[in-house]
Amino acid sequence: MATARLSLQLDAEVKAKAEKTAALLGLKSLTEYVVRLMDEDAAKVVAAHQHITLESDDFDRFIAAWDKTKLPNQALLDAVAYTKEQGFK
């Protein structure tokens, strides 16, 4: 059930293409199509920003640097505090 509202103004040609696409996909409405696109894209963007993928060599250099460290410096402690404040996991 919808709990929020979004209002858009767009070019008539864009709307017509989107309506045709929604129909071709068998969706009930343009709204369903837009919601689906937003949901899928948002999931991709969030996932891309939550994970880091390293090549093997980069990972090995990271671990080597990690092994050389002692206590975290103030900048790292500040970064950890910031991520906690922002709700990152």
Foldseek 3Di string as FASTA:
>chain_A
DDDDDDDDDDDPVVVVVLQVVCVVVVHPGSVVSVVVVVVVVVVVVVVVVQDDDDDPVVVVVVVVVVVPDDDDDPVVVVVVVVCVVVPRD
